[in-house]
Amino acid sequence: LVQAGESLRLSCAASGLRLSSYSIGWFRQAP
């Protein structure tokens, strides 16, 4: 939970594969 204007960093980690060998996308879904 952040206030409007407050920066946030999301991280994506993986096991069983190297992310450097893939194209990566971020998606979102609101209710």
PDB file of all heavy atoms in Angstrom:
ATOM      1  N   LEU A   1       0.855  -1.190   0.000  1.00  0.00           N
ATOM      2  CA  LEU A   1       0.000   0.000   0.000  1.00  0.00           C
ATOM      3  C   LEU A   1       0.887   1.234   0.000  1.00  0.00           C
ATOM      4  O   LEU A   1       1.743   1.376   0.885  1.00  0.00           O
ATOM      5  CB  LEU A   1      -0.893  -0.016   1.234  1.00  0.00           C
ATOM      6  CG  LEU A   1      -1.732   1.245   1.490  1.00  0.00           C
ATOM      7  CD1 LEU A   1      -2.733   1.468   0.373  1.00  0.00           C
ATOM      8  CD2 LEU A   1      -2.450   1.130   2.838  1.00  0.00           C
ATOM      9  N   VAL A   2       0.711   2.091  -0.993  1.00  0.00           N
ATOM     10  CA  VAL A   2       1.473   3.333  -1.070  1.00  0.00           C
ATOM     11  C   VAL A   2       0.527   4.486  -1.357  1.00  0.00           C
ATOM     12  O   VAL A   2      -0.585   4.286  -1.867  1.00  0.00           O
ATOM     13  CB  VAL A   2       2.564   3.277  -2.167  1.00  0.00           C
ATOM     14  CG1 VAL A   2       3.594   2.212  -1.858  1.00  0.00           C
ATOM     15  CG2 VAL A   2       1.951   3.056  -3.540  1.00  0.00           C
ATOM     16  N   GLN A   3       0.998   5.678  -1.058  1.00  0.00           N
ATOM     17  CA  GLN A   3       0.226   6.869  -1.396  1.00  0.00           C
ATOM     18  C   GLN A   3       0.549   7.297  -2.822  1.00  0.00           C
ATOM     19  O   GLN A   3       1.635   7.009  -3.343  1.00  0.00           O
ATOM     20  CB  GLN A   3       0.552   7.995  -0.422  1.00  0.00           C
ATOM     21  CG  GLN A   3       0.048   7.754   0.985  1.00  0.00           C
ATOM     22  CD  GLN A   3       0.188   8.982   1.872  1.00  0.00           C
ATOM     23  OE1 GLN A   3       1.047   9.826   1.641  1.00  0.00           O
ATOM     24  NE2 GLN A   3      -0.663   9.092   2.881  1.00  0.00           N
ATOM     25  N   ALA A   4      -0.376   7.961  -3.434  1.00  0.00           N
ATOM     26  CA  ALA A   4      -0.146   8.475  -4.778  1.00  0.00           C
ATOM     27  C   ALA A   4       1.133   9.304  -4.795  1.00  0.00           C
ATOM     28  O   ALA A   4       1.345  10.152  -3.910  1.00  0.00           O
ATOM     29  CB  ALA A   4      -1.335   9.307  -5.225  1.00  0.00           C
ATOM     30  N   GLY A   5       1.990   9.043  -5.773  1.00  0.00           N
ATOM     31  CA  GLY A   5       3.245   9.749  -5.899  1.00  0.00           C
ATOM     32  C   GLY A   5       4.415   9.108  -5.187  1.00  0.00           C
ATOM     33  O   GLY A   5       5.572   9.503  -5.408  1.00  0.00           O
ATOM     34  N   GLU A   6       4.143   8.119  -4.355  1.00  0.00           N
ATOM     35  CA  GLU A   6       5.213   7.429  -3.609  1.00  0.00           C
ATOM     36  C   GLU A   6       5.738   6.270  -4.452  1.00  0.00           C
ATOM     37  O   GLU A   6       4.998   5.362  -4.801  1.00  0.00           O
ATOM     38  CB  GLU A   6       4.654   6.912  -2.286  1.00  0.00           C
ATOM     39  CG  GLU A   6       5.660   6.193  -1.421  1.00  0.00           C
ATOM     40  CD  GLU A   6       5.021   5.688  -0.122  1.00  0.00           C
ATOM     41  OE1 GLU A   6       3.877   6.075   0.170  1.00  0.00           O
ATOM     42  OE2 GLU A   6       5.672   4.893   0.575  1.00  0.00           O
ATOM     43  N   SER A   7       7.010   6.252  -4.740  1.00  0.00           N
ATOM     44  CA  SER A   7       7.585   5.244  -5.638  1.00  0.00           C
ATOM     45  C   SER A   7       7.594   3.856  -5.016  1.00  0.00           C
ATOM     46  O   SER A   7       7.661   3.693  -3.791  1.00  0.00           O
ATOM     47  CB  SER A   7       9.009   5.646  -6.029  1.00  0.00           C
ATOM     48  OG  SER A   7       9.004   6.813  -6.797  1.00  0.00           O
ATOM     49  N   LEU A   8       7.561   2.877  -5.899  1.00  0.00           N
ATOM     50  CA  LEU A   8       7.520   1.477  -5.481  1.00  0.00           C
ATOM     51  C   LEU A   8       8.282   0.671  -6.524  1.00  0.00           C
ATOM     52  O   LEU A   8       8.209   0.985  -7.726  1.00  0.00           O
ATOM     53  CB  LEU A   8       6.063   1.018  -5.412  1.00  0.00           C
ATOM     54  CG  LEU A   8       5.737  -0.345  -4.799  1.00  0.00           C
ATOM     55  CD1 LEU A   8       6.008  -0.297  -3.302  1.00  0.00           C
ATOM     56  CD2 LEU A   8       4.268  -0.680  -5.044  1.00  0.00           C
ATOM     57  N   ARG A   9       9.003  -0.367  -6.079  1.00  0.00           N
ATOM     58  CA  ARG A   9       9.693  -1.230  -7.017  1.00  0.00           C
ATOM     59  C   ARG A   9       9.235  -2.668  -6.832  1.00  0.00           C
ATOM     60  O   ARG A   9       9.364  -3.237  -5.747  1.00  0.00           O
ATOM     61  CB  ARG A   9      11.217  -1.148  -6.865  1.00  0.00           C
ATOM     62  CG  ARG A   9      11.948  -1.886  -8.003  1.00  0.00           C
ATOM     63  CD  ARG A   9      13.456  -1.777  -7.895  1.00  0.00           C
ATOM     64  NE  ARG A   9      14.009  -2.654  -6.881  1.00  0.00           N
ATOM     65  CZ  ARG A   9      15.303  -2.966  -6.803  1.00  0.00           C
ATOM     66  NH1 ARG A   9      16.163  -2.470  -7.687  1.00  0.00           N
ATOM     67  NH2 ARG A   9      15.731  -3.778  -5.840  1.00  0.00           N
ATOM     68  N   LEU A  10       8.754  -3.241  -7.897  1.00  0.00           N
ATOM     69  CA  LEU A  10       8.371  -4.645  -7.893  1.00  0.00           C
ATOM     70  C   LEU A  10       9.531  -5.478  -8.425  1.00  0.00           C
ATOM     71  O   LEU A  10      10.262  -5.040  -9.309  1.00  0.00           O
ATOM     72  CB  LEU A  10       7.144  -4.873  -8.767  1.00  0.00           C
ATOM     73  CG  LEU A  10       5.904  -4.045  -8.443  1.00  0.00           C
ATOM     74  CD1 LEU A  10       4.746  -4.458  -9.340  1.00  0.00           C
ATOM     75  CD2 LEU A  10       5.529  -4.155  -6.988  1.00  0.00           C
ATOM     76  N   SER A  11       9.663  -6.674  -7.871  1.00  0.00           N
ATOM     77  CA  SER A  11      10.714  -7.593  -8.290  1.00  0.00           C
ATOM     78  C   SER A  11      10.108  -8.878  -8.822  1.00  0.00           C
ATOM     79  O   SER A  11       9.059  -9.328  -8.343  1.00  0.00           O
ATOM     80  CB  SER A  11      11.642  -7.915  -7.113  1.00  0.00           C
ATOM     81  OG  SER A  11      12.267  -6.752  -6.627  1.00  0.00           O
ATOM     82  N   CYS A  12      10.807  -9.457  -9.786  1.00  0.00           N
ATOM     83  CA  CYS A  12      10.411 -10.743 -10.356  1.00  0.00           C
ATOM     84  C   CYS A  12      11.608 -11.670 -10.285  1.00  0.00           C
ATOM     85  O   CYS A  12      12.672 -11.351 -10.822  1.00  0.00           O
ATOM     86  CB  CYS A  12       9.962 -10.558 -11.800  1.00  0.00           C
ATOM     87  SG  CYS A  12       9.540 -12.086 -12.667  1.00  0.00           S
ATOM     88  N   ALA A  13      11.436 -12.786  -9.596  1.00  0.00           N
ATOM     89  CA  ALA A  13      12.482 -13.781  -9.467  1.00  0.00           C
ATOM     90  C   ALA A  13      11.983 -15.103 -10.044  1.00  0.00           C
ATOM     91  O   ALA A  13      10.773 -15.311 -10.178  1.00  0.00           O
ATOM     92  CB  ALA A  13      12.868 -13.953  -7.998  1.00  0.00           C
ATOM     93  N   ALA A  14      12.927 -15.970 -10.355  1.00  0.00           N
ATOM     94  CA  ALA A  14      12.523 -17.260 -10.923  1.00  0.00           C
ATOM     95  C   ALA A  14      13.444 -18.365 -10.438  1.00  0.00           C
ATOM     96  O   ALA A  14      14.635 -18.147 -10.213  1.00  0.00           O
ATOM     97  CB  ALA A  14      12.537 -17.205 -12.450  1.00  0.00           C
ATOM     98  N   SER A  15      12.875 -19.533 -10.300  1.00  0.00           N
ATOM     99  CA  SER A  15      13.652 -20.742 -10.037  1.00  0.00           C
ATOM    100  C   SER A  15      13.335 -21.735 -11.157  1.00  0.00           C
ATOM    101  O   SER A  15      12.234 -21.765 -11.684  1.00  0.00           O
ATOM    102  CB  SER A  15      13.307 -21.337  -8.673  1.00  0.00           C
ATOM    103  OG  SER A  15      11.931 -21.666  -8.608  1.00  0.00           O
ATOM    104  N   GLY A  16      14.349 -22.469 -11.549  1.00  0.00           N
ATOM    105  CA  GLY A  16      14.143 -23.432 -12.623  1.00  0.00           C
ATOM    106  C   GLY A  16      14.323 -22.854 -14.013  1.00  0.00           C
ATOM    107  O   GLY A  16      14.185 -23.577 -15.003  1.00  0.00           O
ATOM    108  N   LEU A  17      14.586 -21.569 -14.116  1.00  0.00           N
ATOM    109  CA  LEU A  17      14.897 -20.958 -15.396  1.00  0.00           C
ATOM    110  C   LEU A  17      15.686 -19.675 -15.161  1.00  0.00           C
ATOM    111  O   LEU A  17      15.594 -19.057 -14.096  1.00  0.00           O
ATOM    112  CB  LEU A  17      13.632 -20.660 -16.213  1.00  0.00           C
ATOM    113  CG  LEU A  17      12.590 -19.680 -15.672  1.00  0.00           C
ATOM    114  CD1 LEU A  17      12.946 -18.237 -16.002  1.00  0.00           C
ATOM    115  CD2 LEU A  17      11.219 -19.987 -16.280  1.00  0.00           C
ATOM    116  N   ARG A  18      16.449 -19.305 -16.167  1.00  0.00           N
ATOM    117  CA  ARG A  18      17.217 -18.071 -16.106  1.00  0.00           C
ATOM    118  C   ARG A  18      16.440 -16.994 -16.849  1.00  0.00           C
ATOM    119  O   ARG A  18      16.192 -17.104 -18.045  1.00  0.00           O
ATOM    120  CB  ARG A  18      18.597 -18.263 -16.726  1.00  0.00           C
ATOM    121  CG  ARG A  18      19.501 -19.209 -15.935  1.00  0.00           C
ATOM    122  CD  ARG A  18      20.930 -19.127 -16.412  1.00  0.00           C
ATOM    123  NE  ARG A  18      21.455 -17.781 -16.305  1.00  0.00           N
ATOM    124  CZ  ARG A  18      21.933 -17.243 -15.199  1.00  0.00           C
ATOM    125  NH1 ARG A  18      21.915 -17.937 -14.073  1.00  0.00           N
ATOM    126  NH2 ARG A  18      22.424 -16.037 -15.194  1.00  0.00           N
ATOM    127  N   LEU A  19      16.072 -15.958 -16.133  1.00  0.00           N
ATOM    128  CA  LEU A  19      15.280 -14.888 -16.740  1.00  0.00           C
ATOM    129  C   LEU A  19      16.024 -14.217 -17.888  1.00  0.00           C
ATOM    130  O   LEU A  19      15.391 -13.668 -18.797  1.00  0.00           O
ATOM    131  CB  LEU A  19      14.889 -13.853 -15.690  1.00  0.00           C
ATOM    132  CG  LEU A  19      13.937 -14.357 -14.605  1.00  0.00           C
ATOM    133  CD1 LEU A  19      13.668 -13.260 -13.573  1.00  0.00           C
ATOM    134  CD2 LEU A  19      12.624 -14.851 -15.201  1.00  0.00           C
ATOM    135  N   SER A  20      17.350 -14.279 -17.868  1.00  0.00           N
ATOM    136  CA  SER A  20      18.123 -13.666 -18.940  1.00  0.00           C
ATOM    137  C   SER A  20      17.893 -14.372 -20.280  1.00  0.00           C
ATOM    138  O   SER A  20      18.201 -13.816 -21.337  1.00  0.00           O
ATOM    139  CB  SER A  20      19.610 -13.680 -18.600  1.00  0.00           C
ATOM    140  OG  SER A  20      20.072 -15.012 -18.400  1.00  0.00           O
ATOM    141  N   SER A  21      17.347 -15.568 -20.255  1.00  0.00           N
ATOM    142  CA  SER A  21      17.081 -16.330 -21.475  1.00  0.00           C
ATOM    143  C   SER A  21      15.648 -16.156 -21.977  1.00  0.00           C
ATOM    144  O   SER A  21      15.229 -16.863 -22.890  1.00  0.00           O
ATOM    145  CB  SER A  21      17.349 -17.816 -21.221  1.00  0.00           C
ATOM    146  OG  SER A  21      18.707 -18.036 -20.903  1.00  0.00           O
ATOM    147  N   TYR A  22      14.936 -15.210 -21.387  1.00  0.00           N
ATOM    148  CA  TYR A  22      13.533 -15.015 -21.747  1.00  0.00           C
ATOM    149  C   TYR A  22      13.217 -13.532 -21.940  1.00  0.00           C
ATOM    150  O   TYR A  22      13.856 -12.659 -21.348  1.00  0.00           O
ATOM    151  CB  TYR A  22      12.625 -15.567 -20.637  1.00  0.00           C
ATOM    152  CG  TYR A  22      12.646 -17.064 -20.549  1.00  0.00           C
ATOM    153  CD1 TYR A  22      13.662 -17.717 -19.865  1.00  0.00           C
ATOM    154  CD2 TYR A  22      11.658 -17.815 -21.156  1.00  0.00           C
ATOM    155  CE1 TYR A  22      13.694 -19.104 -19.797  1.00  0.00           C
ATOM    156  CE2 TYR A  22      11.679 -19.210 -21.087  1.00  0.00           C
ATOM    157  CZ  TYR A  22      12.703 -19.833 -20.406  1.00  0.00           C
ATOM    158  OH  TYR A  22      12.725 -21.208 -20.334  1.00  0.00           O
ATOM    159  N   SER A  23      12.217 -13.300 -22.752  1.00  0.00           N
ATOM    160  CA  SER A  23      11.582 -11.989 -22.762  1.00  0.00           C
ATOM    161  C   SER A  23      10.651 -11.943 -21.550  1.00  0.00           C
ATOM    162  O   SER A  23      10.022 -12.955 -21.209  1.00  0.00           O
ATOM    163  CB  SER A  23      10.772 -11.785 -24.043  1.00  0.00           C
ATOM    164  OG  SER A  23      11.601 -11.811 -25.177  1.00  0.00           O
ATOM    165  N   ILE A  24      10.560 -10.790 -20.917  1.00  0.00           N
ATOM    166  CA  ILE A  24       9.796 -10.668 -19.679  1.00  0.00           C
ATOM    167  C   ILE A  24       8.741  -9.574 -19.818  1.00  0.00           C
ATOM    168  O   ILE A  24       9.007  -8.498 -20.359  1.00  0.00           O
ATOM    169  CB  ILE A  24      10.712 -10.323 -18.491  1.00  0.00           C
ATOM    170  CG1 ILE A  24      11.826 -11.360 -18.360  1.00  0.00           C
ATOM    171  CG2 ILE A  24       9.894 -10.218 -17.205  1.00  0.00           C
ATOM    172  CD1 ILE A  24      11.349 -12.763 -18.067  1.00  0.00           C
ATOM    173  N   GLY A  25       7.575  -9.870 -19.317  1.00  0.00           N
ATOM    174  CA  GLY A  25       6.509  -8.877 -19.319  1.00  0.00           C
ATOM    175  C   GLY A  25       5.923  -8.693 -17.933  1.00  0.00           C
ATOM    176  O   GLY A  25       5.920  -9.618 -17.121  1.00  0.00           O
ATOM    177  N   TRP A  26       5.470  -7.491 -17.678  1.00  0.00           N
ATOM    178  CA  TRP A  26       4.677  -7.187 -16.479  1.00  0.00           C
ATOM    179  C   TRP A  26       3.256  -6.878 -16.935  1.00  0.00           C
ATOM    180  O   TRP A  26       3.053  -6.092 -17.870  1.00  0.00           O
ATOM    181  CB  TRP A  26       5.236  -5.990 -15.722  1.00  0.00           C
ATOM    182  CG  TRP A  26       6.448  -6.272 -14.897  1.00  0.00           C
ATOM    183  CD1 TRP A  26       7.749  -6.054 -15.232  1.00  0.00           C
ATOM    184  CD2 TRP A  26       6.465  -6.813 -13.569  1.00  0.00           C
ATOM    185  NE1 TRP A  26       8.571  -6.428 -14.209  1.00  0.00           N
ATOM    186  CE2 TRP A  26       7.815  -6.895 -13.170  1.00  0.00           C
ATOM    187  CE3 TRP A  26       5.482  -7.234 -12.677  1.00  0.00           C
ATOM    188  CZ2 TRP A  26       8.198  -7.383 -11.913  1.00  0.00           C
ATOM    189  CZ3 TRP A  26       5.860  -7.712 -11.429  1.00  0.00           C
ATOM    190  CH2 TRP A  26       7.209  -7.784 -11.059  1.00  0.00           C
ATOM    191  N   PHE A  27       2.312  -7.499 -16.270  1.00  0.00           N
ATOM    192  CA  PHE A  27       0.901  -7.279 -16.531  1.00  0.00           C
ATOM    193  C   PHE A  27       0.217  -6.910 -15.214  1.00  0.00           C
ATOM    194  O   PHE A  27       0.781  -7.109 -14.142  1.00  0.00           O
ATOM    195  CB  PHE A  27       0.250  -8.552 -17.097  1.00  0.00           C
ATOM    196  CG  PHE A  27       0.660  -8.869 -18.508  1.00  0.00           C
ATOM    197  CD1 PHE A  27       1.920  -9.381 -18.784  1.00  0.00           C
ATOM    198  CD2 PHE A  27      -0.204  -8.660 -19.566  1.00  0.00           C
ATOM    199  CE1 PHE A  27       2.316  -9.666 -20.082  1.00  0.00           C
ATOM    200  CE2 PHE A  27       0.172  -8.944 -20.873  1.00  0.00           C
ATOM    201  CZ  PHE A  27       1.438  -9.456 -21.125  1.00  0.00           C
ATOM    202  N   ARG A  28      -0.996  -6.415 -15.310  1.00  0.00           N
ATOM    203  CA  ARG A  28      -1.756  -6.126 -14.099  1.00  0.00           C
ATOM    204  C   ARG A  28      -3.229  -6.398 -14.341  1.00  0.00           C
ATOM    205  O   ARG A  28      -3.705  -6.359 -15.484  1.00  0.00           O
ATOM    206  CB  ARG A  28      -1.549  -4.680 -13.652  1.00  0.00           C
ATOM    207  CG  ARG A  28      -2.121  -3.627 -14.594  1.00  0.00           C
ATOM    208  CD  ARG A  28      -1.726  -2.234 -14.132  1.00  0.00           C
ATOM    209  NE  ARG A  28      -2.280  -1.187 -14.984  1.00  0.00           N
ATOM    210  CZ  ARG A  28      -1.969   0.098 -14.877  1.00  0.00           C
ATOM    211  NH1 ARG A  28      -1.094   0.496 -13.946  1.00  0.00           N
ATOM    212  NH2 ARG A  28      -2.506   0.979 -15.683  1.00  0.00           N
ATOM    213  N   GLN A  29      -3.908  -6.670 -13.244  1.00  0.00           N
ATOM    214  CA  GLN A  29      -5.340  -6.934 -13.316  1.00  0.00           C
ATOM    215  C   GLN A  29      -6.042  -6.282 -12.138  1.00  0.00           C
ATOM    216  O   GLN A  29      -5.757  -6.610 -10.984  1.00  0.00           O
ATOM    217  CB  GLN A  29      -5.627  -8.436 -13.339  1.00  0.00           C
ATOM    218  CG  GLN A  29      -7.068  -8.777 -13.609  1.00  0.00           C
ATOM    219  CD  GLN A  29      -7.252 -10.245 -13.957  1.00  0.00           C
ATOM    220  OE1 GLN A  29      -6.388 -11.079 -13.699  1.00  0.00           O
ATOM    221  NE2 GLN A  29      -8.383 -10.567 -14.565  1.00  0.00           N
ATOM    222  N   ALA A  30      -6.911  -5.363 -12.450  1.00  0.00           N
ATOM    223  CA  ALA A  30      -7.720  -4.696 -11.429  1.00  0.00           C
ATOM    224  C   ALA A  30      -9.036  -5.448 -11.283  1.00  0.00           C
ATOM    225  O   ALA A  30      -9.467  -6.152 -12.206  1.00  0.00           O
ATOM    226  CB  ALA A  30      -7.972  -3.248 -11.829  1.00  0.00           C
ATOM    227  N   PRO A  31      -9.707  -5.315 -10.146  1.00  0.00           N
ATOM    228  CA  PRO A  31     -10.973  -6.019  -9.932  1.00  0.00           C
ATOM    229  C   PRO A  31     -11.981  -5.720 -11.035  1.00  0.00           C
ATOM    230  O   PRO A  31     -12.195  -4.552 -11.385  1.00  0.00           O
ATOM    231  CB  PRO A  31     -11.446  -5.484  -8.584  1.00  0.00           C
ATOM    232  CG  PRO A  31     -10.198  -5.081  -7.891  1.00  0.00           C
ATOM    233  CD  PRO A  31      -9.289  -4.564  -8.953  1.00  0.00           C
TER     234      PRO A  31
END
